[in-house]
């Protein structure tokens, strides 16, 4: 049995589900794109090649193994995108929550069922159908659960809005002893530089008291200020619009002092090293063309 334990984003990682880029399928048609960044690359003819994404994911996999992390992979579905495991489920404390994802992606969840079968069934939860929530919008920080959402009345019109207010309430009901704080995120169907697809596209904690943040990813300044007050402005690395587009906040922590980052994130990686972090640089720029990066392609199961 797998004894789940996830209380934060950064303590020592012991077990994780890493996505798959093998047999990724043909380039989607423009009407099949789930997000504006993928659409941009489909239209430009620069959509990532499978061999490049496999290469990038294996570079990440090697780093995880270097640190002795137990790495699970989904069962292979032929010609199907299985990179972004963060979307399909997430762990809070010792509870595995299955996401209500876009219906076309349900097979991705089935492909990790063999892992879920190793978890105490009393600790596996599937929200009711009206509850929309994806793992990229859920972040744990001690007694806090941060949840990205979209509060606009036009929620239904946005394929880029993945977690609704019912999703926030579901987490509040499930974890009544936690401080559940939602963040209203900027969404765009057509401009990836103005689309915070998930909370981890505009914020992520690193280490014990630091974070990476993009101020303009939040619809309300009060939400941004909540994090500034909680972490302290001096502890937050502020990224710029193009850095948000390149997904600088979507790094991944293996430990409180070890961060896996994209090798082209020069400004961020320099700051991380100045703060005392070990930065494991990997190539991930091709995968990022699908509006997801390192955090998006992991589903952590156990941290110390």
C-alpha atoms as a PDB file:
ATOM      1  CA  UNK A   1       0.000   0.000   0.000  1.00  0.00           C
ATOM      2  CA  UNK A   2       1.058   3.592  -0.627  1.00  0.00           C
ATOM      3  CA  UNK A   3       0.830   5.723   2.522  1.00  0.00           C
ATOM      4  CA  UNK A   4       0.129   9.170   1.098  1.00  0.00           C
ATOM      5  CA  UNK A   5       1.602  12.249   2.741  1.00  0.00           C
ATOM      6  CA  UNK A   6       1.636  15.711   1.177  1.00  0.00           C
ATOM      7  CA  UNK A   7       1.505  18.732   3.497  1.00  0.00           C
ATOM      8  CA  UNK A   8       3.460  21.280   1.454  1.00  0.00           C
ATOM      9  CA  UNK A   9       5.114  21.931  -1.890  1.00  0.00           C
ATOM     10  CA  UNK A  10       8.774  21.712  -0.985  1.00  0.00           C
ATOM     11  CA  UNK A  11       9.773  19.127   1.628  1.00  0.00           C
ATOM     12  CA  UNK A  12      11.755  16.025   0.673  1.00  0.00           C
ATOM     13  CA  UNK A  13       9.986  14.184  -2.130  1.00  0.00           C
ATOM     14  CA  UNK A  14       9.778  10.397  -1.792  1.00  0.00           C
ATOM     15  CA  UNK A  15       7.244   9.288  -4.414  1.00  0.00           C
ATOM     16  CA  UNK A  16       5.732  10.944  -7.483  1.00  0.00           C
ATOM     17  CA  UNK A  17       3.787  10.138 -10.646  1.00  0.00           C
ATOM     18  CA  UNK A  18       5.642  11.610 -13.622  1.00  0.00           C
ATOM     19  CA  UNK A  19       3.775  11.970 -16.922  1.00  0.00           C
ATOM     20  CA  UNK A  20       4.626  10.302 -20.232  1.00  0.00           C
ATOM     21  CA  UNK A  21       5.523  11.876 -23.570  1.00  0.00           C
ATOM     22  CA  UNK A  22       5.797   8.574 -25.494  1.00  0.00           C
ATOM     23  CA  UNK A  23       3.129   7.990 -28.170  1.00  0.00           C
ATOM     24  CA  UNK A  24       1.854  11.523 -27.701  1.00  0.00           C
ATOM     25  CA  UNK A  25      -0.337  11.403 -30.774  1.00  0.00           C
ATOM     26  CA  UNK A  26      -0.558  13.744 -33.781  1.00  0.00           C
ATOM     27  CA  UNK A  27      -0.476  17.511 -33.486  1.00  0.00           C
ATOM     28  CA  UNK A  28      -3.970  18.614 -32.384  1.00  0.00           C
ATOM     29  CA  UNK A  29      -6.187  20.533 -34.771  1.00  0.00           C
ATOM     30  CA  UNK A  30      -6.635  24.166 -33.812  1.00  0.00           C
ATOM     31  CA  UNK A  31     -10.183  23.515 -32.550  1.00  0.00           C
ATOM     32  CA  UNK A  32      -8.819  20.754 -30.279  1.00  0.00           C
ATOM     33  CA  UNK A  33      -6.436  23.049 -28.377  1.00  0.00           C
ATOM     34  CA  UNK A  34      -7.186  23.280 -24.632  1.00  0.00           C
ATOM     35  CA  UNK A  35      -5.227  26.494 -24.087  1.00  0.00           C
ATOM     36  CA  UNK A  36      -4.024  29.561 -26.041  1.00  0.00           C
ATOM     37  CA  UNK A  37      -0.315  28.675 -25.936  1.00  0.00           C
ATOM     38  CA  UNK A  38      -0.848  25.300 -27.596  1.00  0.00           C
ATOM     39  CA  UNK A  39      -3.073  27.040 -30.153  1.00  0.00           C
ATOM     40  CA  UNK A  40      -0.355  29.621 -30.848  1.00  0.00           C
ATOM     41  CA  UNK A  41       2.185  26.871 -31.643  1.00  0.00           C
ATOM     42  CA  UNK A  42      -0.300  24.826 -33.685  1.00  0.00           C
ATOM     43  CA  UNK A  43      -0.979  27.879 -35.882  1.00  0.00           C
ATOM     44  CA  UNK A  44       2.729  28.775 -36.132  1.00  0.00           C
ATOM     45  CA  UNK A  45       3.803  25.240 -37.039  1.00  0.00           C
ATOM     46  CA  UNK A  46       6.073  25.116 -33.973  1.00  0.00           C
ATOM     47  CA  UNK A  47       4.105  22.581 -31.937  1.00  0.00           C
ATOM     48  CA  UNK A  48       6.575  20.325 -30.070  1.00  0.00           C
ATOM     49  CA  UNK A  49       7.794  17.052 -31.564  1.00  0.00           C
ATOM     50  CA  UNK A  50       7.328  13.857 -29.595  1.00  0.00           C
ATOM     51  CA  UNK A  51      11.044  12.961 -29.654  1.00  0.00           C
ATOM     52  CA  UNK A  52      11.960  16.330 -28.122  1.00  0.00           C
ATOM     53  CA  UNK A  53       9.368  15.996 -25.358  1.00  0.00           C
ATOM     54  CA  UNK A  54      10.487  12.430 -24.569  1.00  0.00           C
ATOM     55  CA  UNK A  55      14.062  13.711 -24.303  1.00  0.00           C
ATOM     56  CA  UNK A  56      12.979  16.505 -21.914  1.00  0.00           C
ATOM     57  CA  UNK A  57      10.904  14.239 -19.679  1.00  0.00           C
ATOM     58  CA  UNK A  58      13.737  11.716 -19.397  1.00  0.00           C
ATOM     59  CA  UNK A  59      16.112  14.500 -18.341  1.00  0.00           C
ATOM     60  CA  UNK A  60      13.630  15.336 -15.549  1.00  0.00           C
ATOM     61  CA  UNK A  61      13.228  11.642 -14.698  1.00  0.00           C
ATOM     62  CA  UNK A  62      17.016  11.293 -14.294  1.00  0.00           C
ATOM     63  CA  UNK A  63      17.093  14.148 -11.786  1.00  0.00           C
ATOM     64  CA  UNK A  64      14.284  12.552  -9.753  1.00  0.00           C
ATOM     65  CA  UNK A  65      16.162   9.237  -9.688  1.00  0.00           C
ATOM     66  CA  UNK A  66      19.387  11.030  -8.730  1.00  0.00           C
ATOM     67  CA  UNK A  67      17.645  12.082  -5.502  1.00  0.00           C
ATOM     68  CA  UNK A  68      16.269   8.609  -4.811  1.00  0.00           C
ATOM     69  CA  UNK A  69      12.648   9.472  -5.576  1.00  0.00           C
ATOM     70  CA  UNK A  70      10.283   6.571  -6.348  1.00  0.00           C
ATOM     71  CA  UNK A  71       8.907   7.447  -9.788  1.00  0.00           C
ATOM     72  CA  UNK A  72       5.642   5.968 -11.043  1.00  0.00           C
ATOM     73  CA  UNK A  73       4.539   6.420 -14.668  1.00  0.00           C
ATOM     74  CA  UNK A  74       1.054   6.168 -16.180  1.00  0.00           C
ATOM     75  CA  UNK A  75       0.168   3.115 -18.245  1.00  0.00           C
ATOM     76  CA  UNK A  76       0.714   3.944 -21.899  1.00  0.00           C
ATOM     77  CA  UNK A  77      -2.278   4.967 -23.998  1.00  0.00           C
ATOM     78  CA  UNK A  78      -1.362   4.942 -27.675  1.00  0.00           C
ATOM     79  CA  UNK A  79      -1.469   8.306 -29.492  1.00  0.00           C
ATOM     80  CA  UNK A  80      -2.593  10.241 -26.423  1.00  0.00           C
ATOM     81  CA  UNK A  81      -1.139  13.157 -24.461  1.00  0.00           C
ATOM     82  CA  UNK A  82      -0.256  11.925 -20.953  1.00  0.00           C
ATOM     83  CA  UNK A  83       2.311  14.537 -19.942  1.00  0.00           C
ATOM     84  CA  UNK A  84       0.385  16.608 -17.411  1.00  0.00           C
ATOM     85  CA  UNK A  85      -0.404  14.312 -14.478  1.00  0.00           C
ATOM     86  CA  UNK A  86      -0.917  17.297 -12.141  1.00  0.00           C
ATOM     87  CA  UNK A  87      -4.261  17.967 -13.841  1.00  0.00           C
ATOM     88  CA  UNK A  88      -5.781  14.567 -13.189  1.00  0.00           C
ATOM     89  CA  UNK A  89      -5.397  14.232  -9.430  1.00  0.00           C
ATOM     90  CA  UNK A  90      -3.679  15.566  -6.330  1.00  0.00           C
ATOM     91  CA  UNK A  91      -2.931  14.667  -2.730  1.00  0.00           C
ATOM     92  CA  UNK A  92      -3.780  16.721   0.355  1.00  0.00           C
ATOM     93  CA  UNK A  93      -2.424  15.238   3.600  1.00  0.00           C
ATOM     94  CA  UNK A  94      -3.232  11.517   3.138  1.00  0.00           C
ATOM     95  CA  UNK A  95      -6.191  11.918   0.751  1.00  0.00           C
ATOM     96  CA  UNK A  96      -6.043  11.340  -3.019  1.00  0.00           C
ATOM     97  CA  UNK A  97      -8.532  13.536  -4.872  1.00  0.00           C
ATOM     98  CA  UNK A  98      -9.430  12.582  -8.443  1.00  0.00           C
ATOM     99  CA  UNK A  99      -9.963  15.639 -10.578  1.00  0.00           C
ATOM    100  CA  UNK A 100     -13.101  16.252 -12.590  1.00  0.00           C
ATOM    101  CA  UNK A 101     -11.112  17.062 -15.677  1.00  0.00           C
ATOM    102  CA  UNK A 102     -12.210  17.882 -19.216  1.00  0.00           C
ATOM    103  CA  UNK A 103     -14.236  14.799 -20.281  1.00  0.00           C
ATOM    104  CA  UNK A 104     -11.902  14.101 -23.222  1.00  0.00           C
ATOM    105  CA  UNK A 105      -9.080  13.514 -20.723  1.00  0.00           C
ATOM    106  CA  UNK A 106     -10.776  10.894 -18.534  1.00  0.00           C
ATOM    107  CA  UNK A 107      -8.570   8.126 -19.972  1.00  0.00           C
ATOM    108  CA  UNK A 108      -5.536   9.822 -18.385  1.00  0.00           C
ATOM    109  CA  UNK A 109      -7.017   9.121 -14.973  1.00  0.00           C
ATOM    110  CA  UNK A 110      -7.718   5.507 -15.897  1.00  0.00           C
ATOM    111  CA  UNK A 111      -4.038   5.125 -16.846  1.00  0.00           C
ATOM    112  CA  UNK A 112      -2.942   5.734 -13.231  1.00  0.00           C
ATOM    113  CA  UNK A 113      -5.685   3.567 -11.689  1.00  0.00           C
ATOM    114  CA  UNK A 114      -3.107   0.844 -10.970  1.00  0.00           C
ATOM    115  CA  UNK A 115      -1.377   3.322  -8.626  1.00  0.00           C
ATOM    116  CA  UNK A 116      -4.644   4.470  -7.039  1.00  0.00           C
ATOM    117  CA  UNK A 117      -5.440   0.790  -6.366  1.00  0.00           C
ATOM    118  CA  UNK A 118      -2.454   0.750  -3.975  1.00  0.00           C
ATOM    119  CA  UNK A 119      -4.024   3.506  -1.832  1.00  0.00           C
ATOM    120  CA  UNK A 120      -6.470   2.844   1.007  1.00  0.00           C
ATOM    121  CA  UNK A 121      -9.842   3.186  -0.819  1.00  0.00           C
ATOM    122  CA  UNK A 122     -11.219   5.200   2.114  1.00  0.00           C
ATOM    123  CA  UNK A 123      -8.581   7.817   1.257  1.00  0.00           C
ATOM    124  CA  UNK A 124      -9.587   8.196  -2.401  1.00  0.00           C
ATOM    125  CA  UNK A 125     -12.190  10.844  -3.194  1.00  0.00           C
ATOM    126  CA  UNK A 126     -13.989  11.813  -6.406  1.00  0.00           C
ATOM    127  CA  UNK A 127     -15.865  15.132  -6.221  1.00  0.00           C
ATOM    128  CA  UNK A 128     -19.444  15.372  -7.548  1.00  0.00           C
ATOM    129  CA  UNK A 129     -19.843  16.317 -11.209  1.00  0.00           C
ATOM    130  CA  UNK A 130     -20.576  20.024 -10.623  1.00  0.00           C
ATOM    131  CA  UNK A 131     -17.234  20.413  -8.825  1.00  0.00           C
ATOM    132  CA  UNK A 132     -14.431  21.389 -11.217  1.00  0.00           C
ATOM    133  CA  UNK A 133     -10.902  21.262  -9.818  1.00  0.00           C
ATOM    134  CA  UNK A 134      -7.453  20.447 -11.191  1.00  0.00           C
ATOM    135  CA  UNK A 135      -4.188  19.861  -9.332  1.00  0.00           C
ATOM    136  CA  UNK A 136      -2.421  22.843 -10.886  1.00  0.00           C
ATOM    137  CA  UNK A 137      -4.825  25.078  -8.967  1.00  0.00           C
ATOM    138  CA  UNK A 138      -4.171  23.432  -5.573  1.00  0.00           C
ATOM    139  CA  UNK A 139      -1.144  24.273  -3.443  1.00  0.00           C
ATOM    140  CA  UNK A 140      -0.368  23.289   0.144  1.00  0.00           C
ATOM    141  CA  UNK A 141       1.530  25.512   2.516  1.00  0.00           C
ATOM    142  CA  UNK A 142       1.421  24.350   6.134  1.00  0.00           C
ATOM    143  CA  UNK A 143      -2.053  25.109   7.447  1.00  0.00           C
ATOM    144  CA  UNK A 144      -2.960  26.815   4.180  1.00  0.00           C
ATOM    145  CA  UNK A 145      -4.484  25.347   1.053  1.00  0.00           C
ATOM    146  CA  UNK A 146      -4.192  27.847  -1.802  1.00  0.00           C
ATOM    147  CA  UNK A 147      -6.737  27.301  -4.595  1.00  0.00           C
ATOM    148  CA  UNK A 148      -6.734  29.052  -7.952  1.00  0.00           C
ATOM    149  CA  UNK A 149     -10.165  29.714  -9.445  1.00  0.00           C
ATOM    150  CA  UNK A 150     -12.074  31.966 -11.808  1.00  0.00           C
ATOM    151  CA  UNK A 151     -15.014  33.903 -10.388  1.00  0.00           C
ATOM    152  CA  UNK A 152     -16.244  35.519 -13.601  1.00  0.00           C
ATOM    153  CA  UNK A 153     -19.907  35.015 -14.484  1.00  0.00           C
ATOM    154  CA  UNK A 154     -18.689  33.800 -17.888  1.00  0.00           C
ATOM    155  CA  UNK A 155     -16.832  30.815 -16.352  1.00  0.00           C
ATOM    156  CA  UNK A 156     -18.637  28.388 -18.669  1.00  0.00           C
ATOM    157  CA  UNK A 157     -17.178  30.163 -21.715  1.00  0.00           C
ATOM    158  CA  UNK A 158     -13.574  29.585 -20.702  1.00  0.00           C
ATOM    159  CA  UNK A 159     -11.894  26.257 -21.441  1.00  0.00           C
ATOM    160  CA  UNK A 160      -8.943  27.831 -19.593  1.00  0.00           C
ATOM    161  CA  UNK A 161     -10.982  28.098 -16.360  1.00  0.00           C
ATOM    162  CA  UNK A 162     -10.388  24.738 -14.692  1.00  0.00           C
ATOM    163  CA  UNK A 163     -11.449  25.205 -11.060  1.00  0.00           C
ATOM    164  CA  UNK A 164     -14.811  26.690 -10.142  1.00  0.00           C
ATOM    165  CA  UNK A 165     -16.147  28.128  -6.873  1.00  0.00           C
ATOM    166  CA  UNK A 166     -17.809  24.772  -6.146  1.00  0.00           C
ATOM    167  CA  UNK A 167     -14.298  23.300  -6.324  1.00  0.00           C
ATOM    168  CA  UNK A 168     -13.078  25.759  -3.699  1.00  0.00           C
ATOM    169  CA  UNK A 169     -16.045  24.946  -1.460  1.00  0.00           C
ATOM    170  CA  UNK A 170     -15.419  21.214  -1.890  1.00  0.00           C
ATOM    171  CA  UNK A 171     -11.879  21.625  -0.513  1.00  0.00           C
ATOM    172  CA  UNK A 172     -13.175  23.776   2.356  1.00  0.00           C
ATOM    173  CA  UNK A 173     -15.707  21.104   3.286  1.00  0.00           C
ATOM    174  CA  UNK A 174     -13.189  18.269   2.994  1.00  0.00           C
ATOM    175  CA  UNK A 175     -10.541  20.032   5.113  1.00  0.00           C
ATOM    176  CA  UNK A 176     -12.437  22.167   7.649  1.00  0.00           C
ATOM    177  CA  UNK A 177      -9.348  22.612   9.852  1.00  0.00           C
ATOM    178  CA  UNK A 178      -7.254  24.176   7.082  1.00  0.00           C
ATOM    179  CA  UNK A 179      -7.137  27.797   5.959  1.00  0.00           C
ATOM    180  CA  UNK A 180      -8.477  27.517   2.402  1.00  0.00           C
ATOM    181  CA  UNK A 181      -7.711  30.690   0.445  1.00  0.00           C
ATOM    182  CA  UNK A 182      -8.895  31.052  -3.135  1.00  0.00           C
ATOM    183  CA  UNK A 183      -7.253  33.280  -5.742  1.00  0.00           C
ATOM    184  CA  UNK A 184      -9.221  34.702  -8.668  1.00  0.00           C
ATOM    185  CA  UNK A 185      -6.997  34.275 -11.742  1.00  0.00           C
ATOM    186  CA  UNK A 186      -6.758  36.135 -15.053  1.00  0.00           C
ATOM    187  CA  UNK A 187      -7.976  34.002 -17.963  1.00  0.00           C
ATOM    188  CA  UNK A 188      -7.662  34.397 -21.708  1.00  0.00           C
ATOM    189  CA  UNK A 189      -8.731  32.045 -24.471  1.00  0.00           C
ATOM    190  CA  UNK A 190      -6.599  33.762 -27.095  1.00  0.00           C
ATOM    191  CA  UNK A 191      -3.499  35.336 -25.486  1.00  0.00           C
ATOM    192  CA  UNK A 192      -1.237  32.982 -23.534  1.00  0.00           C
ATOM    193  CA  UNK A 193       0.702  35.937 -22.090  1.00  0.00           C
ATOM    194  CA  UNK A 194      -2.472  36.970 -20.253  1.00  0.00           C
ATOM    195  CA  UNK A 195      -3.702  33.553 -19.211  1.00  0.00           C
ATOM    196  CA  UNK A 196      -2.992  32.026 -15.813  1.00  0.00           C
ATOM    197  CA  UNK A 197      -4.224  28.547 -16.717  1.00  0.00           C
ATOM    198  CA  UNK A 198      -3.671  27.357 -13.128  1.00  0.00           C
ATOM    199  CA  UNK A 199      -2.421  28.941  -9.914  1.00  0.00           C
ATOM    200  CA  UNK A 200       1.031  27.432 -10.510  1.00  0.00           C
ATOM    201  CA  UNK A 201       1.254  29.507 -13.710  1.00  0.00           C
ATOM    202  CA  UNK A 202       1.527  32.695 -11.623  1.00  0.00           C
ATOM    203  CA  UNK A 203       2.692  31.575  -8.156  1.00  0.00           C
ATOM    204  CA  UNK A 204       4.608  28.805  -6.429  1.00  0.00           C
ATOM    205  CA  UNK A 205       6.366  28.530  -3.064  1.00  0.00           C
ATOM    206  CA  UNK A 206       9.990  27.386  -2.940  1.00  0.00           C
ATOM    207  CA  UNK A 207      12.081  26.451   0.086  1.00  0.00           C
ATOM    208  CA  UNK A 208      10.741  27.173   3.553  1.00  0.00           C
ATOM    209  CA  UNK A 209       9.632  30.796   3.185  1.00  0.00           C
ATOM    210  CA  UNK A 210      10.083  31.959  -0.417  1.00  0.00           C
ATOM    211  CA  UNK A 211       8.053  32.038  -3.605  1.00  0.00           C
ATOM    212  CA  UNK A 212       7.870  32.954  -7.283  1.00  0.00           C
ATOM    213  CA  UNK A 213       5.008  35.255  -8.231  1.00  0.00           C
ATOM    214  CA  UNK A 214       3.475  37.101 -11.191  1.00  0.00           C
ATOM    215  CA  UNK A 215       1.418  40.045  -9.936  1.00  0.00           C
ATOM    216  CA  UNK A 216      -0.710  40.445 -13.061  1.00  0.00           C
ATOM    217  CA  UNK A 217      -1.872  36.828 -12.930  1.00  0.00           C
ATOM    218  CA  UNK A 218      -4.372  37.797 -10.204  1.00  0.00           C
ATOM    219  CA  UNK A 219      -7.640  39.547 -11.036  1.00  0.00           C
ATOM    220  CA  UNK A 220      -7.750  41.170  -7.594  1.00  0.00           C
ATOM    221  CA  UNK A 221      -4.770  43.013  -6.113  1.00  0.00           C
ATOM    222  CA  UNK A 222      -5.958  41.895  -2.662  1.00  0.00           C
ATOM    223  CA  UNK A 223      -5.200  38.279  -3.622  1.00  0.00           C
ATOM    224  CA  UNK A 224      -1.678  39.214  -4.681  1.00  0.00           C
ATOM    225  CA  UNK A 225      -1.230  41.234  -1.457  1.00  0.00           C
ATOM    226  CA  UNK A 226      -2.367  38.237   0.624  1.00  0.00           C
ATOM    227  CA  UNK A 227       0.694  36.329  -0.584  1.00  0.00           C
ATOM    228  CA  UNK A 228       2.985  39.349  -0.228  1.00  0.00           C
ATOM    229  CA  UNK A 229       1.884  39.744   3.395  1.00  0.00           C
ATOM    230  CA  UNK A 230       2.173  36.014   4.094  1.00  0.00           C
ATOM    231  CA  UNK A 231       5.632  35.523   2.572  1.00  0.00           C
ATOM    232  CA  UNK A 232       7.108  39.040   2.793  1.00  0.00           C
ATOM    233  CA  UNK A 233       7.893  40.979  -0.384  1.00  0.00           C
ATOM    234  CA  UNK A 234      11.637  40.435   0.068  1.00  0.00           C
ATOM    235  CA  UNK A 235      11.060  36.663  -0.102  1.00  0.00           C
ATOM    236  CA  UNK A 236       9.169  36.741  -3.414  1.00  0.00           C
ATOM    237  CA  UNK A 237      10.783  36.648  -6.844  1.00  0.00           C
ATOM    238  CA  UNK A 238       8.605  38.745  -9.158  1.00  0.00           C
ATOM    239  CA  UNK A 239       8.494  37.455 -12.714  1.00  0.00           C
ATOM    240  CA  UNK A 240       7.681  39.525 -15.786  1.00  0.00           C
ATOM    241  CA  UNK A 241       4.941  38.968 -18.382  1.00  0.00           C
ATOM    242  CA  UNK A 242       7.156  37.063 -20.793  1.00  0.00           C
ATOM    243  CA  UNK A 243       8.664  35.017 -17.950  1.00  0.00           C
ATOM    244  CA  UNK A 244       5.141  34.023 -16.902  1.00  0.00           C
ATOM    245  CA  UNK A 245       4.482  33.035 -20.525  1.00  0.00           C
ATOM    246  CA  UNK A 246       7.646  30.884 -20.468  1.00  0.00           C
ATOM    247  CA  UNK A 247       6.303  29.378 -17.178  1.00  0.00           C
ATOM    248  CA  UNK A 248       9.003  30.536 -14.751  1.00  0.00           C
ATOM    249  CA  UNK A 249       6.733  29.888 -11.747  1.00  0.00           C
ATOM    250  CA  UNK A 250       6.204  26.262 -12.786  1.00  0.00           C
ATOM    251  CA  UNK A 251       9.415  24.817 -11.371  1.00  0.00           C
ATOM    252  CA  UNK A 252       9.400  21.753  -9.085  1.00  0.00           C
ATOM    253  CA  UNK A 253      10.858  21.227  -5.611  1.00  0.00           C
ATOM    254  CA  UNK A 254      12.491  17.923  -4.683  1.00  0.00           C
ATOM    255  CA  UNK A 255      13.501  19.279  -1.264  1.00  0.00           C
ATOM    256  CA  UNK A 256      13.484  22.540   0.681  1.00  0.00           C
ATOM    257  CA  UNK A 257      16.876  23.336  -0.879  1.00  0.00           C
ATOM    258  CA  UNK A 258      16.580  21.570  -4.277  1.00  0.00           C
ATOM    259  CA  UNK A 259      14.598  23.048  -7.180  1.00  0.00           C
ATOM    260  CA  UNK A 260      14.309  21.609 -10.688  1.00  0.00           C
ATOM    261  CA  UNK A 261      14.106  24.476 -13.192  1.00  0.00           C
ATOM    262  CA  UNK A 262      14.196  25.042 -16.950  1.00  0.00           C
ATOM    263  CA  UNK A 263      17.763  25.754 -18.046  1.00  0.00           C
ATOM    264  CA  UNK A 264      16.780  28.923 -19.947  1.00  0.00           C
ATOM    265  CA  UNK A 265      15.325  30.628 -16.845  1.00  0.00           C
ATOM    266  CA  UNK A 266      18.564  32.582 -16.340  1.00  0.00           C
ATOM    267  CA  UNK A 267      17.235  35.371 -14.100  1.00  0.00           C
ATOM    268  CA  UNK A 268      15.215  33.022 -11.896  1.00  0.00           C
ATOM    269  CA  UNK A 269      17.946  30.390 -11.583  1.00  0.00           C
ATOM    270  CA  UNK A 270      20.481  33.054 -10.584  1.00  0.00           C
ATOM    271  CA  UNK A 271      18.115  34.320  -7.864  1.00  0.00           C
ATOM    272  CA  UNK A 272      17.442  30.787  -6.600  1.00  0.00           C
ATOM    273  CA  UNK A 273      21.178  30.121  -6.280  1.00  0.00           C
ATOM    274  CA  UNK A 274      21.662  33.434  -4.497  1.00  0.00           C
ATOM    275  CA  UNK A 275      19.044  32.247  -1.978  1.00  0.00           C
ATOM    276  CA  UNK A 276      21.091  29.080  -1.363  1.00  0.00           C
ATOM    277  CA  UNK A 277      19.125  26.613  -3.496  1.00  0.00           C
ATOM    278  CA  UNK A 278      20.650  23.777  -5.495  1.00  0.00           C
ATOM    279  CA  UNK A 279      19.178  24.345  -8.962  1.00  0.00           C
ATOM    280  CA  UNK A 280      18.899  21.274 -11.174  1.00  0.00           C
ATOM    281  CA  UNK A 281      18.555  22.679 -14.685  1.00  0.00           C
ATOM    282  CA  UNK A 282      16.786  20.597 -17.330  1.00  0.00           C
ATOM    283  CA  UNK A 283      15.552  21.308 -20.881  1.00  0.00           C
ATOM    284  CA  UNK A 284      11.763  21.679 -20.858  1.00  0.00           C
ATOM    285  CA  UNK A 285      11.066  24.455 -23.371  1.00  0.00           C
ATOM    286  CA  UNK A 286       9.346  22.193 -25.904  1.00  0.00           C
ATOM    287  CA  UNK A 287       6.895  20.808 -23.339  1.00  0.00           C
ATOM    288  CA  UNK A 288       6.208  24.386 -22.198  1.00  0.00           C
ATOM    289  CA  UNK A 289       4.648  25.083 -25.604  1.00  0.00           C
ATOM    290  CA  UNK A 290       1.582  23.210 -24.289  1.00  0.00           C
ATOM    291  CA  UNK A 291       1.235  25.725 -21.425  1.00  0.00           C
ATOM    292  CA  UNK A 292       2.624  23.368 -18.789  1.00  0.00           C
ATOM    293  CA  UNK A 293       6.045  22.807 -17.266  1.00  0.00           C
ATOM    294  CA  UNK A 294       7.718  20.843 -14.476  1.00  0.00           C
ATOM    295  CA  UNK A 295       5.094  21.101 -11.729  1.00  0.00           C
ATOM    296  CA  UNK A 296       2.353  20.333 -14.259  1.00  0.00           C
ATOM    297  CA  UNK A 297       3.935  17.022 -15.233  1.00  0.00           C
ATOM    298  CA  UNK A 298       4.198  15.682 -11.656  1.00  0.00           C
ATOM    299  CA  UNK A 299       1.707  14.293  -9.175  1.00  0.00           C
ATOM    300  CA  UNK A 300       3.498  14.008  -5.796  1.00  0.00           C
ATOM    301  CA  UNK A 301       2.342  11.183  -3.507  1.00  0.00           C
ATOM    302  CA  UNK A 302       4.751  11.289  -0.554  1.00  0.00           C
ATOM    303  CA  UNK A 303       6.890  14.041   0.960  1.00  0.00           C
ATOM    304  CA  UNK A 304       8.646  13.861   4.336  1.00  0.00           C
END
